[in-house]
Amino acid sequence: MNYYELVYDVVKSIPKGRVSTYGAVSNFLTLGSARMVGWALNQLKGRHDVPAHRVVNSKGELSGRLHFGQEPGMESLLKKEGIHVKDNKVLDFKQKFWDPSKEL
């Protein structure tokens, strides 16, 4: 299995209503860096089976939002799952954070 597919498998495990970070996914895989996780997610291009909108930066910011296009955007997808966002940042980030190292 290639690196991208490993990233996608972890991201598919993030439950609805929760978020993880590029760094947490990277640390769990012990391969590469947070930036590589972002790159892998950016390569999805039309795949809707991987909930990339659930991956944010270490501050809870929607740093990947520009890669989602107009609608439905990253914020919209998160809000549909009950995640509150203000100024492109997940509110209650610590409570919504899902750590694959502890959950998988």
PDB file of N, CA and C in Angstrom:
ATOM      1  N   MET A   1       0.853  -1.173   0.000  1.00  0.00           N
ATOM      2  CA  MET A   1       0.000   0.000   0.000  1.00  0.00           C
ATOM      3  C   MET A   1       0.903   1.241   0.000  1.00  0.00           C
ATOM      4  N   ASN A   2       0.572   2.213  -0.846  1.00  0.00           N
ATOM      5  CA  ASN A   2       1.420   3.402  -0.910  1.00  0.00           C
ATOM      6  C   ASN A   2       1.063   4.400   0.193  1.00  0.00           C
ATOM      7  N   TYR A   3       1.919   5.399   0.359  1.00  0.00           N
ATOM      8  CA  TYR A   3       1.769   6.390   1.430  1.00  0.00           C
ATOM      9  C   TYR A   3       0.409   7.075   1.375  1.00  0.00           C
ATOM     10  N   TYR A   4      -0.018   7.490   0.196  1.00  0.00           N
ATOM     11  CA  TYR A   4      -1.302   8.188   0.071  1.00  0.00           C
ATOM     12  C   TYR A   4      -2.440   7.318   0.602  1.00  0.00           C
ATOM     13  N   GLU A   5      -2.447   6.054   0.218  1.00  0.00           N
ATOM     14  CA  GLU A   5      -3.516   5.156   0.665  1.00  0.00           C
ATOM     15  C   GLU A   5      -3.475   4.949   2.174  1.00  0.00           C
ATOM     16  N   LEU A   6      -2.285   4.932   2.761  1.00  0.00           N
ATOM     17  CA  LEU A   6      -2.171   4.841   4.224  1.00  0.00           C
ATOM     18  C   LEU A   6      -2.805   6.068   4.878  1.00  0.00           C
ATOM     19  N   VAL A   7      -2.504   7.252   4.334  1.00  0.00           N
ATOM     20  CA  VAL A   7      -3.099   8.495   4.837  1.00  0.00           C
ATOM     21  C   VAL A   7      -4.617   8.415   4.703  1.00  0.00           C
ATOM     22  N   TYR A   8      -5.101   8.012   3.546  1.00  0.00           N
ATOM     23  CA  TYR A   8      -6.534   7.956   3.307  1.00  0.00           C
ATOM     24  C   TYR A   8      -7.231   6.996   4.273  1.00  0.00           C
ATOM     25  N   ASP A   9      -6.612   5.866   4.563  1.00  0.00           N
ATOM     26  CA  ASP A   9      -7.207   4.913   5.497  1.00  0.00           C
ATOM     27  C   ASP A   9      -7.367   5.519   6.890  1.00  0.00           C
ATOM     28  N   VAL A  10      -6.359   6.251   7.346  1.00  0.00           N
ATOM     29  CA  VAL A  10      -6.450   6.893   8.666  1.00  0.00           C
ATOM     30  C   VAL A  10      -7.546   7.955   8.646  1.00  0.00           C
ATOM     31  N   VAL A  11      -7.566   8.777   7.614  1.00  0.00           N
ATOM     32  CA  VAL A  11      -8.550   9.861   7.529  1.00  0.00           C
ATOM     33  C   VAL A  11      -9.970   9.297   7.450  1.00  0.00           C
ATOM     34  N   LYS A  12     -10.149   8.182   6.778  1.00  0.00           N
ATOM     35  CA  LYS A  12     -11.472   7.548   6.715  1.00  0.00           C
ATOM     36  C   LYS A  12     -11.942   7.092   8.096  1.00  0.00           C
ATOM     37  N   SER A  13     -11.018   6.900   9.024  1.00  0.00           N
ATOM     38  CA  SER A  13     -11.354   6.442  10.374  1.00  0.00           C
ATOM     39  C   SER A  13     -11.809   7.569  11.295  1.00  0.00           C
ATOM     40  N   ILE A  14     -11.601   8.821  10.901  1.00  0.00           N
ATOM     41  CA  ILE A  14     -12.009   9.949  11.750  1.00  0.00           C
ATOM     42  C   ILE A  14     -13.537   9.963  11.801  1.00  0.00           C
ATOM     43  N   PRO A  15     -14.102   9.862  12.986  1.00  0.00           N
ATOM     44  CA  PRO A  15     -15.573   9.825  13.083  1.00  0.00           C
ATOM     45  C   PRO A  15     -16.227  11.154  12.701  1.00  0.00           C
ATOM     46  N   LYS A  16     -17.455  11.084  12.243  1.00  0.00           N
ATOM     47  CA  LYS A  16     -18.229  12.302  11.978  1.00  0.00           C
ATOM     48  C   LYS A  16     -18.298  13.104  13.272  1.00  0.00           C
ATOM     49  N   GLY A  17     -18.201  14.421  13.130  1.00  0.00           N
ATOM     50  CA  GLY A  17     -18.280  15.287  14.294  1.00  0.00           C
ATOM     51  C   GLY A  17     -16.978  15.442  15.046  1.00  0.00           C
ATOM     52  N   ARG A  18     -15.911  14.885  14.495  1.00  0.00           N
ATOM     53  CA  ARG A  18     -14.582  14.991  15.109  1.00  0.00           C
ATOM     54  C   ARG A  18     -13.596  15.473  14.048  1.00  0.00           C
ATOM     55  N   VAL A  19     -12.458  15.983  14.490  1.00  0.00           N
ATOM     56  CA  VAL A  19     -11.401  16.408  13.577  1.00  0.00           C
ATOM     57  C   VAL A  19     -10.064  15.880  14.071  1.00  0.00           C
ATOM     58  N   SER A  20      -9.140  15.752  13.155  1.00  0.00           N
ATOM     59  CA  SER A  20      -7.766  15.413  13.496  1.00  0.00           C
ATOM     60  C   SER A  20      -6.869  16.437  12.822  1.00  0.00           C
ATOM     61  N   THR A  21      -5.577  16.267  12.982  1.00  0.00           N
ATOM     62  CA  THR A  21      -4.632  17.206  12.389  1.00  0.00           C
ATOM     63  C   THR A  21      -3.691  16.485  11.437  1.00  0.00           C
ATOM     64  N   TYR A  22      -3.099  17.270  10.563  1.00  0.00           N
ATOM     65  CA  TYR A  22      -2.102  16.719   9.640  1.00  0.00           C
ATOM     66  C   TYR A  22      -0.983  16.049  10.438  1.00  0.00           C
ATOM     67  N   GLY A  23      -0.547  16.703  11.500  1.00  0.00           N
ATOM     68  CA  GLY A  23       0.538  16.180  12.328  1.00  0.00           C
ATOM     69  C   GLY A  23       0.171  14.897  13.047  1.00  0.00           C
ATOM     70  N   ALA A  24      -1.062  14.817  13.557  1.00  0.00           N
ATOM     71  CA  ALA A  24      -1.492  13.607  14.261  1.00  0.00           C
ATOM     72  C   ALA A  24      -1.534  12.416  13.309  1.00  0.00           C
ATOM     73  N   VAL A  25      -2.007  12.642  12.093  1.00  0.00           N
ATOM     74  CA  VAL A  25      -2.036  11.566  11.094  1.00  0.00           C
ATOM     75  C   VAL A  25      -0.613  11.153  10.750  1.00  0.00           C
ATOM     76  N   SER A  26       0.245  12.133  10.539  1.00  0.00           N
ATOM     77  CA  SER A  26       1.640  11.861  10.214  1.00  0.00           C
ATOM     78  C   SER A  26       2.345  11.105  11.342  1.00  0.00           C
ATOM     79  N   ASN A  27       2.132  11.539  12.581  1.00  0.00           N
ATOM     80  CA  ASN A  27       2.758  10.864  13.725  1.00  0.00           C
ATOM     81  C   ASN A  27       2.293   9.428  13.850  1.00  0.00           C
ATOM     82  N   PHE A  28       1.025   9.190  13.615  1.00  0.00           N
ATOM     83  CA  PHE A  28       0.494   7.835  13.686  1.00  0.00           C
ATOM     84  C   PHE A  28       1.147   6.933  12.646  1.00  0.00           C
ATOM     85  N   LEU A  29       1.322   7.454  11.454  1.00  0.00           N
ATOM     86  CA  LEU A  29       1.902   6.655  10.371  1.00  0.00           C
ATOM     87  C   LEU A  29       3.409   6.511  10.490  1.00  0.00           C
ATOM     88  N   THR A  30       4.034   7.365  11.275  1.00  0.00           N
ATOM     89  CA  THR A  30       5.498   7.423  11.430  1.00  0.00           C
ATOM     90  C   THR A  30       6.221   7.461  10.082  1.00  0.00           C
ATOM     91  N   LEU A  31       5.591   8.096   9.125  1.00  0.00           N
ATOM     92  CA  LEU A  31       6.180   8.263   7.798  1.00  0.00           C
ATOM     93  C   LEU A  31       6.011   9.710   7.378  1.00  0.00           C
ATOM     94  N   GLY A  32       7.076  10.353   6.987  1.00  0.00           N
ATOM     95  CA  GLY A  32       6.950  11.690   6.425  1.00  0.00           C
ATOM     96  C   GLY A  32       6.644  12.761   7.442  1.00  0.00           C
ATOM     97  N   SER A  33       5.871  13.744   7.006  1.00  0.00           N
ATOM     98  CA  SER A  33       5.602  14.909   7.832  1.00  0.00           C
ATOM     99  C   SER A  33       4.145  15.335   7.660  1.00  0.00           C
ATOM    100  N   ALA A  34       3.750  16.292   8.481  1.00  0.00           N
ATOM    101  CA  ALA A  34       2.397  16.840   8.377  1.00  0.00           C
ATOM    102  C   ALA A  34       2.165  17.407   6.980  1.00  0.00           C
ATOM    103  N   ARG A  35       3.176  18.042   6.437  1.00  0.00           N
ATOM    104  CA  ARG A  35       3.059  18.626   5.098  1.00  0.00           C
ATOM    105  C   ARG A  35       2.771  17.551   4.044  1.00  0.00           C
ATOM    106  N   MET A  36       3.365  16.368   4.218  1.00  0.00           N
ATOM    107  CA  MET A  36       3.122  15.275   3.274  1.00  0.00           C
ATOM    108  C   MET A  36       1.684  14.774   3.368  1.00  0.00           C
ATOM    109  N   VAL A  37       1.118  14.801   4.577  1.00  0.00           N
ATOM    110  CA  VAL A  37      -0.282  14.414   4.740  1.00  0.00           C
ATOM    111  C   VAL A  37      -1.162  15.402   3.977  1.00  0.00           C
ATOM    112  N   GLY A  38      -0.874  16.690   4.124  1.00  0.00           N
ATOM    113  CA  GLY A  38      -1.617  17.704   3.379  1.00  0.00           C
ATOM    114  C   GLY A  38      -1.497  17.497   1.883  1.00  0.00           C
ATOM    115  N   TRP A  39      -0.315  17.183   1.435  1.00  0.00           N
ATOM    116  CA  TRP A  39      -0.099  16.946   0.003  1.00  0.00           C
ATOM    117  C   TRP A  39      -0.923  15.750  -0.468  1.00  0.00           C
ATOM    118  N   ALA A  40      -0.913  14.682   0.311  1.00  0.00           N
ATOM    119  CA  ALA A  40      -1.694  13.491  -0.057  1.00  0.00           C
ATOM    120  C   ALA A  40      -3.177  13.831  -0.155  1.00  0.00           C
ATOM    121  N   LEU A  41      -3.691  14.588   0.797  1.00  0.00           N
ATOM    122  CA  LEU A  41      -5.109  14.950   0.774  1.00  0.00           C
ATOM    123  C   LEU A  41      -5.426  15.871  -0.394  1.00  0.00           C
ATOM    124  N   ASN A  42      -4.491  16.704  -0.766  1.00  0.00           N
ATOM    125  CA  ASN A  42      -4.689  17.598  -1.902  1.00  0.00           C
ATOM    126  C   ASN A  42      -4.794  16.831  -3.218  1.00  0.00           C
ATOM    127  N   GLN A  43      -4.285  15.618  -3.251  1.00  0.00           N
ATOM    128  CA  GLN A  43      -4.302  14.805  -4.467  1.00  0.00           C
ATOM    129  C   GLN A  43      -5.613  14.049  -4.661  1.00  0.00           C
ATOM    130  N   LEU A  44      -6.542  14.170  -3.733  1.00  0.00           N
ATOM    131  CA  LEU A  44      -7.801  13.425  -3.834  1.00  0.00           C
ATOM    132  C   LEU A  44      -8.597  13.777  -5.080  1.00  0.00           C
ATOM    133  N   LYS A  45      -8.652  15.029  -5.439  1.00  0.00           N
ATOM    134  CA  LYS A  45      -9.285  15.506  -6.675  1.00  0.00           C
ATOM    135  C   LYS A  45     -10.530  14.714  -7.072  1.00  0.00           C
ATOM    136  N   GLY A  46     -11.639  14.995  -6.416  1.00  0.00           N
ATOM    137  CA  GLY A  46     -12.892  14.381  -6.809  1.00  0.00           C
ATOM    138  C   GLY A  46     -13.259  13.122  -6.060  1.00  0.00           C
ATOM    139  N   ARG A  47     -12.359  12.582  -5.288  1.00  0.00           N
ATOM    140  CA  ARG A  47     -12.715  11.408  -4.480  1.00  0.00           C
ATOM    141  C   ARG A  47     -13.498  11.886  -3.273  1.00  0.00           C
ATOM    142  N   HIS A  48     -14.651  11.322  -3.078  1.00  0.00           N
ATOM    143  CA  HIS A  48     -15.493  11.748  -1.968  1.00  0.00           C
ATOM    144  C   HIS A  48     -15.564  10.709  -0.853  1.00  0.00           C
ATOM    145  N   ASP A  49     -14.777   9.650  -0.973  1.00  0.00           N
ATOM    146  CA  ASP A  49     -14.798   8.599   0.040  1.00  0.00           C
ATOM    147  C   ASP A  49     -13.839   8.873   1.191  1.00  0.00           C
ATOM    148  N   VAL A  50     -13.044   9.939   1.080  1.00  0.00           N
ATOM    149  CA  VAL A  50     -12.087  10.301   2.124  1.00  0.00           C
ATOM    150  C   VAL A  50     -12.507  11.660   2.691  1.00  0.00           C
ATOM    151  N   PRO A  51     -12.888  11.720   3.971  1.00  0.00           N
ATOM    152  CA  PRO A  51     -13.373  12.975   4.551  1.00  0.00           C
ATOM    153  C   PRO A  51     -12.236  13.941   4.908  1.00  0.00           C
ATOM    154  N   ALA A  52     -11.581  14.458   3.892  1.00  0.00           N
ATOM    155  CA  ALA A  52     -10.425  15.342   4.094  1.00  0.00           C
ATOM    156  C   ALA A  52     -10.795  16.601   4.870  1.00  0.00           C
ATOM    157  N   HIS A  53     -12.073  16.975   4.844  1.00  0.00           N
ATOM    158  CA  HIS A  53     -12.510  18.170   5.569  1.00  0.00           C
ATOM    159  C   HIS A  53     -12.344  18.018   7.078  1.00  0.00           C
ATOM    160  N   ARG A  54     -12.148  16.802   7.564  1.00  0.00           N
ATOM    161  CA  ARG A  54     -11.977  16.561   8.998  1.00  0.00           C
ATOM    162  C   ARG A  54     -10.529  16.712   9.460  1.00  0.00           C
ATOM    163  N   VAL A  55      -9.650  17.113   8.561  1.00  0.00           N
ATOM    164  CA  VAL A  55      -8.240  17.292   8.921  1.00  0.00           C
ATOM    165  C   VAL A  55      -7.915  18.783   8.892  1.00  0.00           C
ATOM    166  N   VAL A  56      -7.454  19.283  10.026  1.00  0.00           N
ATOM    167  CA  VAL A  56      -7.150  20.703  10.194  1.00  0.00           C
ATOM    168  C   VAL A  56      -5.709  20.846  10.693  1.00  0.00           C
ATOM    169  N   ASN A  57      -5.250  22.085  10.827  1.00  0.00           N
ATOM    170  CA  ASN A  57      -3.882  22.247  11.327  1.00  0.00           C
ATOM    171  C   ASN A  57      -3.850  22.133  12.853  1.00  0.00           C
ATOM    172  N   SER A  58      -2.681  22.215  13.429  1.00  0.00           N
ATOM    173  CA  SER A  58      -2.501  21.969  14.865  1.00  0.00           C
ATOM    174  C   SER A  58      -3.184  23.001  15.751  1.00  0.00           C
ATOM    175  N   LYS A  59      -3.617  24.116  15.176  1.00  0.00           N
ATOM    176  CA  LYS A  59      -4.343  25.143  15.936  1.00  0.00           C
ATOM    177  C   LYS A  59      -5.852  25.016  15.740  1.00  0.00           C
ATOM    178  N   GLY A  60      -6.272  24.033  14.962  1.00  0.00           N
ATOM    179  CA  GLY A  60      -7.690  23.863  14.676  1.00  0.00           C
ATOM    180  C   GLY A  60      -8.173  24.719  13.526  1.00  0.00           C
ATOM    181  N   GLU A  61      -7.251  25.308  12.792  1.00  0.00           N
ATOM    182  CA  GLU A  61      -7.611  26.180  11.674  1.00  0.00           C
ATOM    183  C   GLU A  61      -7.859  25.367  10.408  1.00  0.00           C
ATOM    184  N   LEU A  62      -8.765  25.856   9.587  1.00  0.00           N
ATOM    185  CA  LEU A  62      -9.102  25.188   8.324  1.00  0.00           C
ATOM    186  C   LEU A  62      -8.088  25.580   7.259  1.00  0.00           C
ATOM    187  N   SER A  63      -6.863  25.198   7.462  1.00  0.00           N
ATOM    188  CA  SER A  63      -5.779  25.617   6.563  1.00  0.00           C
ATOM    189  C   SER A  63      -5.909  25.016   5.167  1.00  0.00           C
ATOM    190  N   GLY A  64      -6.640  23.932   5.013  1.00  0.00           N
ATOM    191  CA  GLY A  64      -6.823  23.316   3.698  1.00  0.00           C
ATOM    192  C   GLY A  64      -8.070  23.775   2.970  1.00  0.00           C
ATOM    193  N   ARG A  65      -8.759  24.769   3.503  1.00  0.00           N
ATOM    194  CA  ARG A  65     -10.065  25.177   2.966  1.00  0.00           C
ATOM    195  C   ARG A  65     -10.019  25.625   1.515  1.00  0.00           C
ATOM    196  N   LEU A  66      -8.914  26.191   1.079  1.00  0.00           N
ATOM    197  CA  LEU A  66      -8.829  26.697  -0.296  1.00  0.00           C
ATOM    198  C   LEU A  66      -8.860  25.584  -1.333  1.00  0.00           C
ATOM    199  N   HIS A  67      -8.564  24.367  -0.903  1.00  0.00           N
ATOM    200  CA  HIS A  67      -8.543  23.229  -1.829  1.00  0.00           C
ATOM    201  C   HIS A  67      -9.921  22.597  -2.014  1.00  0.00           C
ATOM    202  N   PHE A  68     -10.933  23.132  -1.335  1.00  0.00           N
ATOM    203  CA  PHE A  68     -12.273  22.569  -1.429  1.00  0.00           C
ATOM    204  C   PHE A  68     -13.155  23.279  -2.439  1.00  0.00           C
ATOM    205  N   GLY A  69     -12.672  24.352  -3.015  1.00  0.00           N
ATOM    206  CA  GLY A  69     -13.490  25.087  -3.966  1.00  0.00           C
ATOM    207  C   GLY A  69     -14.572  25.875  -3.259  1.00  0.00           C
ATOM    208  N   GLN A  70     -15.609  26.177  -3.985  1.00  0.00           N
ATOM    209  CA  GLN A  70     -16.675  27.017  -3.443  1.00  0.00           C
ATOM    210  C   GLN A  70     -17.611  26.236  -2.521  1.00  0.00           C
ATOM    211  N   GLU A  71     -18.509  25.480  -3.065  1.00  0.00           N
ATOM    212  CA  GLU A  71     -19.488  24.763  -2.240  1.00  0.00           C
ATOM    213  C   GLU A  71     -19.578  23.309  -2.661  1.00  0.00           C
ATOM    214  N   PRO A  72     -19.737  22.372  -1.771  1.00  0.00           N
ATOM    215  CA  PRO A  72     -19.695  22.643  -0.348  1.00  0.00           C
ATOM    216  C   PRO A  72     -18.253  22.791   0.102  1.00  0.00           C
ATOM    217  N   GLY A  73     -17.977  23.837   0.781  1.00  0.00           N
ATOM    218  CA  GLY A  73     -16.626  24.094   1.274  1.00  0.00           C
ATOM    219  C   GLY A  73     -16.339  23.317   2.545  1.00  0.00           C
ATOM    220  N   MET A  74     -15.114  23.401   2.980  1.00  0.00           N
ATOM    221  CA  MET A  74     -14.668  22.689   4.171  1.00  0.00           C
ATOM    222  C   MET A  74     -15.511  23.074   5.387  1.00  0.00           C
ATOM    223  N   GLU A  75     -15.725  24.364   5.582  1.00  0.00           N
ATOM    224  CA  GLU A  75     -16.504  24.820   6.733  1.00  0.00           C
ATOM    225  C   GLU A  75     -17.927  24.278   6.676  1.00  0.00           C
ATOM    226  N   SER A  76     -18.532  24.317   5.521  1.00  0.00           N
ATOM    227  CA  SER A  76     -19.898  23.825   5.344  1.00  0.00           C
ATOM    228  C   SER A  76     -19.993  22.338   5.676  1.00  0.00           C
ATOM    229  N   LEU A  77     -19.037  21.560   5.214  1.00  0.00           N
ATOM    230  CA  LEU A  77     -19.026  20.121   5.481  1.00  0.00           C
ATOM    231  C   LEU A  77     -18.877  19.843   6.976  1.00  0.00           C
ATOM    232  N   LEU A  78     -18.018  20.599   7.645  1.00  0.00           N
ATOM    233  CA  LEU A  78     -17.841  20.421   9.083  1.00  0.00           C
ATOM    234  C   LEU A  78     -19.109  20.803   9.842  1.00  0.00           C
ATOM    235  N   LYS A  79     -19.725  21.908   9.453  1.00  0.00           N
ATOM    236  CA  LYS A  79     -20.947  22.347  10.127  1.00  0.00           C
ATOM    237  C   LYS A  79     -22.061  21.318   9.981  1.00  0.00           C
ATOM    238  N   LYS A  80     -22.137  20.644   8.839  1.00  0.00           N
ATOM    239  CA  LYS A  80     -23.144  19.595   8.642  1.00  0.00           C
ATOM    240  C   LYS A  80     -22.954  18.444   9.617  1.00  0.00           C
ATOM    241  N   GLU A  81     -21.733  18.300  10.131  1.00  0.00           N
ATOM    242  CA  GLU A  81     -21.431  17.238  11.085  1.00  0.00           C
ATOM    243  C   GLU A  81     -21.494  17.725  12.528  1.00  0.00           C
ATOM    244  N   GLY A  82     -21.955  18.961  12.715  1.00  0.00           N
ATOM    245  CA  GLY A  82     -22.106  19.486  14.072  1.00  0.00           C
ATOM    246  C   GLY A  82     -20.863  20.140  14.646  1.00  0.00           C
ATOM    247  N   ILE A  83     -19.887  20.399  13.803  1.00  0.00           N
ATOM    248  CA  ILE A  83     -18.675  21.067  14.273  1.00  0.00           C
ATOM    249  C   ILE A  83     -18.835  22.565  14.048  1.00  0.00           C
ATOM    250  N   HIS A  84     -18.677  23.316  15.107  1.00  0.00           N
ATOM    251  CA  HIS A  84     -18.834  24.768  15.019  1.00  0.00           C
ATOM    252  C   HIS A  84     -17.508  25.404  14.613  1.00  0.00           C
ATOM    253  N   VAL A  85     -17.607  26.307  13.633  1.00  0.00           N
ATOM    254  CA  VAL A  85     -16.434  26.974  13.074  1.00  0.00           C
ATOM    255  C   VAL A  85     -16.672  28.473  13.116  1.00  0.00           C
ATOM    256  N   LYS A  86     -15.670  29.203  13.518  1.00  0.00           N
ATOM    257  CA  LYS A  86     -15.742  30.666  13.494  1.00  0.00           C
ATOM    258  C   LYS A  86     -14.395  31.190  13.023  1.00  0.00           C
ATOM    259  N   ASP A  87     -14.439  32.114  12.070  1.00  0.00           N
ATOM    260  CA  ASP A  87     -13.214  32.704  11.514  1.00  0.00           C
ATOM    261  C   ASP A  87     -12.230  31.634  11.060  1.00  0.00           C
ATOM    262  N   ASN A  88     -12.764  30.612  10.376  1.00  0.00           N
ATOM    263  CA  ASN A  88     -11.955  29.517   9.816  1.00  0.00           C
ATOM    264  C   ASN A  88     -11.201  28.723  10.878  1.00  0.00           C
ATOM    265  N   LYS A  89     -11.797  28.613  12.053  1.00  0.00           N
ATOM    266  CA  LYS A  89     -11.175  27.855  13.138  1.00  0.00           C
ATOM    267  C   LYS A  89     -12.245  27.030  13.850  1.00  0.00           C
ATOM    268  N   VAL A  90     -11.911  25.781  14.176  1.00  0.00           N
ATOM    269  CA  VAL A  90     -12.831  24.899  14.882  1.00  0.00           C
ATOM    270  C   VAL A  90     -12.956  25.364  16.328  1.00  0.00           C
ATOM    271  N   LEU A  91     -14.194  25.653  16.739  1.00  0.00           N
ATOM    272  CA  LEU A  91     -14.441  25.983  18.135  1.00  0.00           C
ATOM    273  C   LEU A  91     -14.427  24.683  18.934  1.00  0.00           C
ATOM    274  N   ASP A  92     -14.054  24.727  20.166  1.00  0.00           N
ATOM    275  CA  ASP A  92     -13.944  23.522  20.999  1.00  0.00           C
ATOM    276  C   ASP A  92     -13.014  22.492  20.364  1.00  0.00           C
ATOM    277  N   PHE A  93     -11.947  22.986  19.763  1.00  0.00           N
ATOM    278  CA  PHE A  93     -11.007  22.114  19.049  1.00  0.00           C
ATOM    279  C   PHE A  93     -10.500  20.975  19.932  1.00  0.00           C
ATOM    280  N   LYS A  94     -10.133  21.277  21.167  1.00  0.00           N
ATOM    281  CA  LYS A  94      -9.584  20.229  22.041  1.00  0.00           C
ATOM    282  C   LYS A  94     -10.599  19.125  22.311  1.00  0.00           C
ATOM    283  N   GLN A  95     -11.878  19.493  22.421  1.00  0.00           N
ATOM    284  CA  GLN A  95     -12.913  18.489  22.661  1.00  0.00           C
ATOM    285  C   GLN A  95     -13.249  17.701  21.393  1.00  0.00           C
ATOM    286  N   LYS A  96     -13.074  18.296  20.242  1.00  0.00           N
ATOM    287  CA  LYS A  96     -13.399  17.647  18.969  1.00  0.00           C
ATOM    288  C   LYS A  96     -12.221  16.868  18.383  1.00  0.00           C
ATOM    289  N   PHE A  97     -11.039  17.071  18.953  1.00  0.00           N
ATOM    290  CA  PHE A  97      -9.824  16.452  18.412  1.00  0.00           C
ATOM    291  C   PHE A  97      -9.864  14.930  18.567  1.00  0.00           C
ATOM    292  N   TRP A  98      -9.538  14.263  17.484  1.00  0.00           N
ATOM    293  CA  TRP A  98      -9.467  12.805  17.428  1.00  0.00           C
ATOM    294  C   TRP A  98      -8.023  12.422  17.117  1.00  0.00           C
ATOM    295  N   ASP A  99      -7.398  11.680  18.021  1.00  0.00           N
ATOM    296  CA  ASP A  99      -5.990  11.301  17.869  1.00  0.00           C
ATOM    297  C   ASP A  99      -5.898   9.839  17.432  1.00  0.00           C
ATOM    298  N   PRO A 100      -5.459   9.587  16.200  1.00  0.00           N
ATOM    299  CA  PRO A 100      -5.392   8.196  15.742  1.00  0.00           C
ATOM    300  C   PRO A 100      -4.441   7.335  16.586  1.00  0.00           C
ATOM    301  N   SER A 101      -3.449   7.936  17.203  1.00  0.00           N
ATOM    302  CA  SER A 101      -2.525   7.155  18.037  1.00  0.00           C
ATOM    303  C   SER A 101      -3.212   6.580  19.282  1.00  0.00           C
ATOM    304  N   LYS A 102      -4.282   7.236  19.704  1.00  0.00           N
ATOM    305  CA  LYS A 102      -5.028   6.764  20.881  1.00  0.00           C
ATOM    306  C   LYS A 102      -6.286   6.013  20.494  1.00  0.00           C
ATOM    307  N   GLU A 103      -6.813   6.280  19.304  1.00  0.00           N
ATOM    308  CA  GLU A 103      -8.108   5.726  18.905  1.00  0.00           C
ATOM    309  C   GLU A 103      -8.009   4.488  18.013  1.00  0.00           C
ATOM    310  N   LEU A 104      -6.882   4.332  17.332  1.00  0.00           N
ATOM    311  CA  LEU A 104      -6.747   3.168  16.433  1.00  0.00           C
ATOM    312  C   LEU A 104      -5.814   2.123  17.022  1.00  0.00           C
TER     313      LEU A 104
END
